[in-house]
């Protein structure tokens, strides 16, 4: 609930990634509000169900719906981070608000497709009578395999693959930024190498370069650094120099580029921890679920094991906000501002978000860059 309130209240949290996080938080919140209370009551009453067959089917369907939505949201978040880090230049255009809304809608539609229709089908083909005061779940092997694949195994494969690629691309770009170059991973797997040019010199030299068109104060700005992707493939060799301009803003610097990329990397690390907790919590359930459909006699104390792995999976829904609070400074600040609403104004100001400067859009004439192939770079 805190995650949802934070994204609604704080404008600096209203990004595409955090919209996916909000969708995840909604699914987790519904698991805690709708699914877990009835399950706890069912266990306390020693598997006695007092709410009728209809609500039993609805409750089971909601369990599948919300749990699957939580898992698929994690999958979409991993894809979002993969696109943001491996293709940072086109990512803002690719991940628009409309596309984020479409992906969130697709998550919930897909989750609904394997919950309510499947339970309704199972109820229609069920031959045996449901025992009184019981709420059994389907043991149909085909449904178990289908739902487990869509709800867990396929998203797990996507998340492991994307986080491996994220880690690999982040490591390459971090090293490249520190030594003065940037390698951009293209969708086809190629690496683009961009060499930044550093223009130094004294105030007098830069003032002379103005030829009367600017003042020494204007010339004495931070050295120009460009990390823009030049659009060349690794096999190309071209050198482009753009004329020096009158004024180069100070906020266009390598340190800010590195800081921005470090923040993206930290966000990916936070979501990687979320994925790790997700695997620990949900893998036992889906292994036991699949095994029970194939060979239920292979599981000793099956009833106890099912209860343990089911609740372990639901615990994952309560862990995600804790992880955000511990690892994300932005969410931690927003949580504290929400919790300190009734506190004195002086205390609330302590957790005000830092000023954030938007990246200016410079025309081509304000940038100087060069691009060389990796072969040429090695010769240098």
Protein backbone atom coordinates (compact mmCIF):
# COMPACT_ATOMS: atom_id res chain seq x y z
CA UNK A 1 0.00 0.00 0.00
CA UNK A 2 2.89 2.36 0.77
CA UNK A 3 4.32 1.78 -2.72
CA UNK A 4 1.00 2.70 -4.34
CA UNK A 5 0.60 5.84 -2.22
CA UNK A 6 4.20 6.89 -2.87
CA UNK A 7 3.87 6.72 -6.66
CA UNK A 8 0.54 8.57 -6.57
CA UNK A 9 1.80 11.36 -4.30
CA UNK A 10 5.38 11.91 -5.49
CA UNK A 11 5.80 13.19 -9.03
CA UNK A 12 9.45 12.17 -9.22
CA UNK A 13 8.36 8.53 -8.80
CA UNK A 14 5.92 8.67 -11.72
CA UNK A 15 8.01 6.85 -14.30
CA UNK A 16 7.27 3.90 -16.56
CA UNK A 17 9.27 1.56 -14.35
CA UNK A 18 7.45 2.69 -11.24
CA UNK A 19 4.10 2.23 -12.97
CA UNK A 20 5.05 -1.42 -13.37
CA UNK A 21 6.10 -1.46 -9.72
CA UNK A 22 2.71 0.01 -8.81
CA UNK A 23 0.94 -2.74 -10.75
CA UNK A 24 3.06 -5.26 -8.87
CA UNK A 25 2.15 -3.59 -5.58
CA UNK A 26 -1.57 -3.74 -6.45
CA UNK A 27 -1.31 -7.49 -7.09
CA UNK A 28 0.64 -8.02 -3.86
CA UNK A 29 -1.83 -5.91 -1.90
CA UNK A 30 -4.80 -7.89 -3.24
CA UNK A 31 -3.09 -11.15 -2.30
CA UNK A 32 -2.79 -9.86 1.26
CA UNK A 33 -6.32 -8.45 1.46
CA UNK A 34 -8.37 -11.08 -0.39
CA UNK A 35 -6.49 -14.37 -0.59
CA UNK A 36 -4.46 -14.74 2.59
CA UNK A 37 -7.22 -14.01 5.18
CA UNK A 38 -9.49 -16.78 3.85
CA UNK A 39 -6.57 -19.16 3.60
CA UNK A 40 -5.56 -18.43 7.19
CA UNK A 41 -9.13 -19.03 8.34
CA UNK A 42 -9.26 -22.26 6.31
CA UNK A 43 -6.12 -23.52 8.05
CA UNK A 44 -7.23 -22.46 11.52
CA UNK A 45 -10.55 -24.31 11.04
CA UNK A 46 -8.61 -27.43 9.98
CA UNK A 47 -9.63 -27.25 6.30
CA UNK A 48 -13.29 -26.61 6.99
CA UNK A 49 -14.92 -24.24 4.46
CA UNK A 50 -18.06 -22.38 5.53
CA UNK A 51 -18.45 -20.03 2.54
CA UNK A 52 -20.01 -22.32 -0.06
CA UNK A 53 -18.84 -23.87 -3.33
CA UNK A 54 -19.30 -20.71 -5.41
CA UNK A 55 -17.09 -18.54 -3.24
CA UNK A 56 -14.59 -21.42 -3.07
CA UNK A 57 -14.18 -21.32 -6.86
CA UNK A 58 -14.02 -17.51 -6.88
CA UNK A 59 -11.42 -17.50 -4.11
CA UNK A 60 -9.28 -20.09 -5.89
CA UNK A 61 -9.55 -18.08 -9.12
CA UNK A 62 -8.54 -14.86 -7.38
CA UNK A 63 -5.58 -16.66 -5.84
CA UNK A 64 -4.36 -17.71 -9.29
CA UNK A 65 -5.15 -14.27 -10.77
CA UNK A 66 -3.30 -12.14 -8.22
CA UNK A 67 -0.34 -14.49 -7.79
CA UNK A 68 0.14 -14.79 -11.56
CA UNK A 69 -0.20 -11.02 -12.00
CA UNK A 70 2.49 -10.48 -9.36
CA UNK A 71 4.87 -12.85 -11.15
CA UNK A 72 4.17 -11.46 -14.63
CA UNK A 73 4.66 -7.89 -13.36
CA UNK A 74 8.12 -8.91 -12.15
CA UNK A 75 8.78 -10.30 -15.63
CA UNK A 76 7.72 -7.03 -17.30
CA UNK A 77 9.87 -5.03 -14.86
CA UNK A 78 12.90 -7.10 -15.80
CA UNK A 79 12.24 -6.48 -19.50
CA UNK A 80 11.82 -2.75 -18.82
CA UNK A 81 15.19 -2.58 -17.05
CA UNK A 82 16.78 -4.61 -19.83
CA UNK A 83 15.60 -2.12 -22.45
CA UNK A 84 16.60 0.88 -20.31
CA UNK A 85 20.18 -0.27 -19.75
CA UNK A 86 21.01 -2.02 -23.02
CA UNK A 87 19.38 0.61 -25.26
CA UNK A 88 19.28 3.83 -23.21
CA UNK A 89 19.07 6.21 -26.18
CA UNK A 90 15.85 4.92 -27.72
CA UNK A 91 14.35 3.73 -24.42
CA UNK A 92 12.44 6.99 -23.62
CA UNK A 93 10.77 6.84 -27.04
CA UNK A 94 10.18 3.10 -26.86
CA UNK A 95 8.73 3.00 -23.35
CA UNK A 96 6.03 5.65 -23.52
CA UNK A 97 3.20 5.94 -21.02
CA UNK A 98 0.83 4.37 -23.52
CA UNK A 99 3.07 1.35 -24.03
CA UNK A 100 3.52 0.95 -20.27
CA UNK A 101 -0.27 0.95 -19.86
CA UNK A 102 -0.58 -1.63 -22.63
CA UNK A 103 1.95 -3.95 -20.97
CA UNK A 104 0.23 -3.62 -17.59
CA UNK A 105 -3.13 -4.40 -19.19
CA UNK A 106 -1.60 -7.41 -20.96
CA UNK A 107 -0.31 -8.72 -17.63
CA UNK A 108 -3.74 -8.61 -16.01
CA UNK A 109 -5.57 -9.98 -19.06
CA UNK A 110 -3.15 -12.90 -19.31
CA UNK A 111 -3.48 -13.56 -15.58
CA UNK A 112 -7.26 -13.50 -15.82
CA UNK A 113 -7.20 -15.85 -18.82
CA UNK A 114 -5.58 -18.65 -16.84
CA UNK A 115 -7.62 -18.15 -13.68
CA UNK A 116 -11.38 -17.67 -14.04
CA UNK A 117 -11.93 -19.48 -17.41
CA UNK A 118 -9.80 -22.42 -16.29
CA UNK A 119 -11.60 -22.76 -12.97
CA UNK A 120 -14.98 -22.49 -14.72
CA UNK A 121 -13.93 -25.21 -17.18
CA UNK A 122 -12.75 -27.45 -14.35
CA UNK A 123 -16.05 -26.95 -12.55
CA UNK A 124 -18.00 -27.85 -15.72
CA UNK A 125 -16.12 -31.10 -16.39
CA UNK A 126 -15.86 -32.15 -12.74
CA UNK A 127 -17.67 -35.45 -12.24
CA UNK A 128 -17.28 -36.04 -8.52
CA UNK A 129 -19.22 -34.09 -5.94
CA UNK A 130 -17.37 -31.57 -3.83
CA UNK A 131 -17.36 -32.72 -0.19
CA UNK A 132 -19.31 -30.55 2.20
CA UNK A 133 -17.31 -27.83 3.93
CA UNK A 134 -14.30 -28.43 1.69
CA UNK A 135 -12.62 -26.22 -0.91
CA UNK A 136 -10.45 -28.43 -3.12
CA UNK A 137 -8.34 -27.21 -6.01
CA UNK A 138 -8.14 -28.88 -9.40
CA UNK A 139 -5.72 -31.78 -9.75
CA UNK A 140 -5.99 -31.91 -13.55
CA UNK A 141 -2.46 -32.56 -14.82
CA UNK A 142 -2.89 -30.65 -18.10
CA UNK A 143 -4.06 -27.55 -16.27
CA UNK A 144 -1.28 -27.80 -13.69
CA UNK A 145 1.39 -28.01 -16.42
CA UNK A 146 -0.17 -25.17 -18.45
CA UNK A 147 -0.70 -22.81 -15.52
CA UNK A 148 2.72 -23.52 -14.00
CA UNK A 149 4.44 -22.85 -17.33
CA UNK A 150 2.65 -19.54 -17.96
CA UNK A 151 2.65 -18.37 -14.34
CA UNK A 152 6.19 -19.29 -13.34
CA UNK A 153 8.56 -21.22 -15.57
CA UNK A 154 8.30 -18.99 -18.65
CA UNK A 155 8.57 -15.72 -16.64
CA UNK A 156 11.47 -17.24 -14.68
CA UNK A 157 13.36 -17.97 -17.91
CA UNK A 158 12.73 -14.43 -19.19
CA UNK A 159 13.88 -12.84 -15.91
CA UNK A 160 17.06 -14.90 -15.61
CA UNK A 161 17.96 -14.14 -19.24
CA UNK A 162 17.28 -10.40 -19.01
CA UNK A 163 19.11 -9.91 -15.71
CA UNK A 164 22.12 -11.77 -17.07
CA UNK A 165 22.16 -9.43 -20.07
CA UNK A 166 21.62 -6.41 -17.80
CA UNK A 167 24.55 -7.39 -15.60
CA UNK A 168 26.78 -7.97 -18.62
CA UNK A 169 25.85 -4.68 -20.32
CA UNK A 170 26.09 -2.70 -17.08
CA UNK A 171 29.57 -4.05 -16.35
CA UNK A 172 30.79 -3.20 -19.86
CA UNK A 173 29.35 0.32 -19.83
CA UNK A 174 30.56 1.10 -16.31
CA UNK A 175 34.15 0.22 -17.25
CA UNK A 176 33.88 2.12 -20.53
CA UNK A 177 32.52 5.28 -18.89
CA UNK A 178 35.35 5.30 -16.39
CA UNK A 179 38.09 5.01 -19.02
CA UNK A 180 36.50 7.56 -21.36
CA UNK A 181 34.56 5.47 -23.84
CA UNK A 182 31.10 4.05 -23.95
CA UNK A 183 30.04 0.77 -25.51
CA UNK A 184 26.33 0.56 -26.32
CA UNK A 185 24.77 -2.88 -26.65
CA UNK A 186 22.53 -3.01 -29.73
CA UNK A 187 19.50 -5.30 -29.94
CA UNK A 188 21.37 -7.51 -32.42
CA UNK A 189 24.17 -8.14 -29.93
CA UNK A 190 26.67 -5.74 -31.57
CA UNK A 191 28.66 -3.26 -29.52
CA UNK A 192 28.88 0.37 -30.60
CA UNK A 193 31.92 2.24 -29.38
CA UNK A 194 31.75 6.00 -28.78
CA UNK A 195 34.91 7.93 -27.99
CA UNK A 196 34.42 11.11 -26.00
CA UNK A 197 36.59 14.11 -26.77
CA UNK A 198 37.83 16.26 -23.89
CA UNK A 199 38.59 19.86 -24.72
CA UNK A 200 40.83 21.34 -22.09
CA UNK A 201 43.07 24.37 -22.01
CA UNK A 202 43.33 27.59 -20.08
CA UNK A 203 40.85 30.43 -19.97
CA UNK A 204 43.07 32.43 -22.29
CA UNK A 205 43.18 29.65 -24.87
CA UNK A 206 39.43 29.17 -24.78
CA UNK A 207 38.88 32.92 -24.94
CA UNK A 208 41.12 33.11 -28.01
CA UNK A 209 39.07 30.35 -29.58
CA UNK A 210 35.98 32.52 -29.35
CA UNK A 211 37.38 35.03 -31.86
CA UNK A 212 35.39 37.77 -30.21
CA UNK A 213 32.13 35.88 -30.38
CA UNK A 214 31.96 35.14 -26.65
CA UNK A 215 33.43 36.23 -23.36
CA UNK A 216 36.10 34.41 -21.35
CA UNK A 217 33.45 33.70 -18.74
CA UNK A 218 31.36 31.94 -21.37
CA UNK A 219 34.35 30.07 -22.62
CA UNK A 220 35.45 29.06 -19.14
CA UNK A 221 32.80 26.40 -18.81
CA UNK A 222 33.25 22.77 -17.91
CA UNK A 223 35.04 20.81 -20.67
CA UNK A 224 32.68 19.50 -23.29
CA UNK A 225 31.94 15.82 -23.07
CA UNK A 226 29.61 13.91 -25.34
CA UNK A 227 28.45 10.37 -24.86
CA UNK A 228 25.73 10.35 -27.47
CA UNK A 229 25.31 7.22 -29.55
CA UNK A 230 26.48 8.05 -33.05
CA UNK A 231 24.49 5.35 -34.77
CA UNK A 232 27.50 3.61 -36.31
CA UNK A 233 28.01 -0.12 -36.19
CA UNK A 234 31.23 -1.64 -34.87
CA UNK A 235 32.54 -2.16 -38.40
CA UNK A 236 32.23 1.47 -39.46
CA UNK A 237 35.03 4.00 -39.38
CA UNK A 238 34.12 7.66 -39.45
CA UNK A 239 35.32 10.75 -37.66
CA UNK A 240 32.99 13.68 -37.16
CA UNK A 241 33.86 16.96 -35.50
CA UNK A 242 31.27 19.61 -34.86
CA UNK A 243 32.34 23.20 -34.45
CA UNK A 244 32.88 24.67 -31.02
CA UNK A 245 29.92 26.73 -29.84
CA UNK A 246 29.64 29.84 -27.78
CA UNK A 247 28.22 28.29 -24.65
CA UNK A 248 28.35 24.81 -23.15
CA UNK A 249 26.25 24.29 -20.02
CA UNK A 250 27.98 22.91 -16.97
CA UNK A 251 25.42 20.23 -16.34
CA UNK A 252 26.44 18.44 -19.54
CA UNK A 253 29.33 16.53 -17.95
CA UNK A 254 30.70 13.05 -17.66
CA UNK A 255 30.13 12.94 -13.91
CA UNK A 256 26.40 13.44 -14.39
CA UNK A 257 26.34 10.78 -17.09
CA UNK A 258 28.08 8.31 -14.80
CA UNK A 259 25.80 9.24 -11.90
CA UNK A 260 22.71 8.70 -14.03
CA UNK A 261 23.95 5.35 -15.26
CA UNK A 262 24.92 4.34 -11.71
CA UNK A 263 21.36 5.10 -10.62
CA UNK A 264 19.97 2.92 -13.41
CA UNK A 265 22.36 0.16 -12.36
CA UNK A 266 21.30 0.45 -8.72
CA UNK A 267 17.63 0.27 -9.73
CA UNK A 268 18.38 -2.87 -11.70
CA UNK A 269 20.20 -4.29 -8.68
CA UNK A 270 17.19 -3.59 -6.46
CA UNK A 271 14.88 -5.33 -8.89
CA UNK A 272 17.39 -8.16 -9.14
CA UNK A 273 17.06 -8.66 -5.39
CA UNK A 274 13.28 -8.68 -5.82
CA UNK A 275 13.69 -11.39 -8.45
CA UNK A 276 15.97 -13.42 -6.17
CA UNK A 277 13.44 -13.32 -3.34
CA UNK A 278 10.73 -14.23 -5.84
CA UNK A 279 12.63 -17.37 -6.89
CA UNK A 280 13.26 -18.44 -3.30
CA UNK A 281 9.60 -17.95 -2.39
CA UNK A 282 7.83 -19.36 -5.45
CA UNK A 283 10.13 -22.09 -6.79
CA UNK A 284 9.26 -24.62 -4.01
CA UNK A 285 5.53 -24.12 -4.62
CA UNK A 286 5.65 -24.72 -8.36
CA UNK A 287 7.99 -27.70 -8.00
CA UNK A 288 5.64 -29.29 -5.45
CA UNK A 289 2.59 -28.29 -7.51
CA UNK A 290 3.97 -29.99 -10.62
CA UNK A 291 5.17 -33.02 -8.69
CA UNK A 292 1.80 -33.49 -6.97
CA UNK A 293 0.09 -33.65 -10.36
CA UNK A 294 2.54 -36.22 -11.69
CA UNK A 295 3.17 -38.34 -8.59
CA UNK A 296 1.36 -37.27 -5.45
CA UNK A 297 2.56 -40.36 -3.58
CA UNK A 298 6.14 -39.17 -4.03
CA UNK A 299 5.58 -36.35 -1.52
CA UNK A 300 5.63 -37.32 2.13
CA UNK A 301 3.26 -35.36 4.38
CA UNK A 302 1.75 -33.80 1.28
CA UNK A 303 -0.82 -31.73 3.13
CA UNK A 304 1.76 -30.06 5.37
CA UNK A 305 4.17 -29.52 2.49
CA UNK A 306 1.44 -27.88 0.38
CA UNK A 307 0.53 -25.49 3.19
CA UNK A 308 4.17 -24.51 3.78
CA UNK A 309 5.08 -23.87 0.13
CA UNK A 310 1.80 -22.02 -0.52
CA UNK A 311 2.34 -19.61 2.35
CA UNK A 312 5.99 -19.21 1.37
CA UNK A 313 4.82 -18.04 -2.06
CA UNK A 314 2.37 -15.58 -0.54
CA UNK A 315 5.08 -14.22 1.75
CA UNK A 316 6.78 -12.95 -1.41
CA UNK A 317 3.96 -10.42 -1.80
CA UNK A 318 4.80 -8.88 1.57
CA UNK A 319 8.55 -8.85 0.91
CA UNK A 320 8.60 -6.56 -2.13
CA UNK A 321 7.76 -3.29 -0.25
CA UNK A 322 10.40 -4.15 2.37
CA UNK A 323 13.01 -4.58 -0.36
CA UNK A 324 12.07 -1.24 -1.95
CA UNK A 325 12.31 0.51 1.41
CA UNK A 326 15.74 -0.95 2.13
CA UNK A 327 17.36 -0.59 -1.30
CA UNK A 328 15.68 2.32 -3.09
CA UNK A 329 16.49 5.74 -1.69
CA UNK A 330 13.66 7.36 -3.65
CA UNK A 331 11.05 4.98 -2.28
CA UNK A 332 12.55 5.18 1.21
CA UNK A 333 12.27 8.97 1.16
CA UNK A 334 8.69 8.77 -0.11
CA UNK A 335 7.74 6.23 2.56
CA UNK A 336 9.14 8.46 5.29
CA UNK A 337 7.28 11.48 3.94
CA UNK A 338 4.01 9.51 3.99
CA UNK A 339 4.60 8.13 7.48
CA UNK A 340 5.60 11.58 8.76
CA UNK A 341 2.49 13.34 7.45
CA UNK A 342 1.44 14.26 10.98
CA UNK A 343 4.97 15.25 11.97
CA UNK A 344 6.15 18.86 12.25
CA UNK A 345 6.92 20.64 8.99
CA UNK A 346 10.60 20.82 9.85
CA UNK A 347 10.81 17.03 10.02
CA UNK A 348 8.87 16.61 6.77
CA UNK A 349 11.26 18.95 4.95
CA UNK A 350 14.11 16.64 5.90
CA UNK A 351 12.73 14.05 3.49
CA UNK A 352 11.94 16.41 0.64
CA UNK A 353 13.19 14.99 -2.69
CA UNK A 354 16.39 16.45 -4.01
CA UNK A 355 16.18 18.93 -6.85
CA UNK A 356 16.26 17.14 -10.14
CA UNK A 357 17.46 18.91 -13.27
CA UNK A 358 16.13 17.79 -16.59
CA UNK A 359 18.64 16.98 -19.27
CA UNK A 360 18.66 19.83 -21.76
CA UNK A 361 18.10 19.04 -25.40
CA UNK A 362 20.96 20.45 -27.42
CA UNK A 363 20.96 20.86 -31.18
CA UNK A 364 23.62 19.05 -33.14
CA UNK A 365 25.76 22.18 -33.38
CA UNK A 366 26.28 22.27 -29.62
CA UNK A 367 27.94 18.84 -29.43
CA UNK A 368 31.33 17.59 -30.43
CA UNK A 369 31.91 13.89 -30.72
CA UNK A 370 33.82 11.34 -32.65
CA UNK A 371 33.17 7.72 -33.40
CA UNK A 372 35.66 5.07 -34.34
CA UNK A 373 35.45 1.38 -34.82
CA UNK A 374 36.74 -1.01 -32.18
CA UNK A 375 39.56 -1.98 -34.55
CA UNK A 376 40.69 1.62 -34.80
CA UNK A 377 40.37 2.05 -31.04
CA UNK A 378 42.73 -0.86 -30.47
CA UNK A 379 45.27 0.76 -32.80
CA UNK A 380 45.10 3.93 -30.71
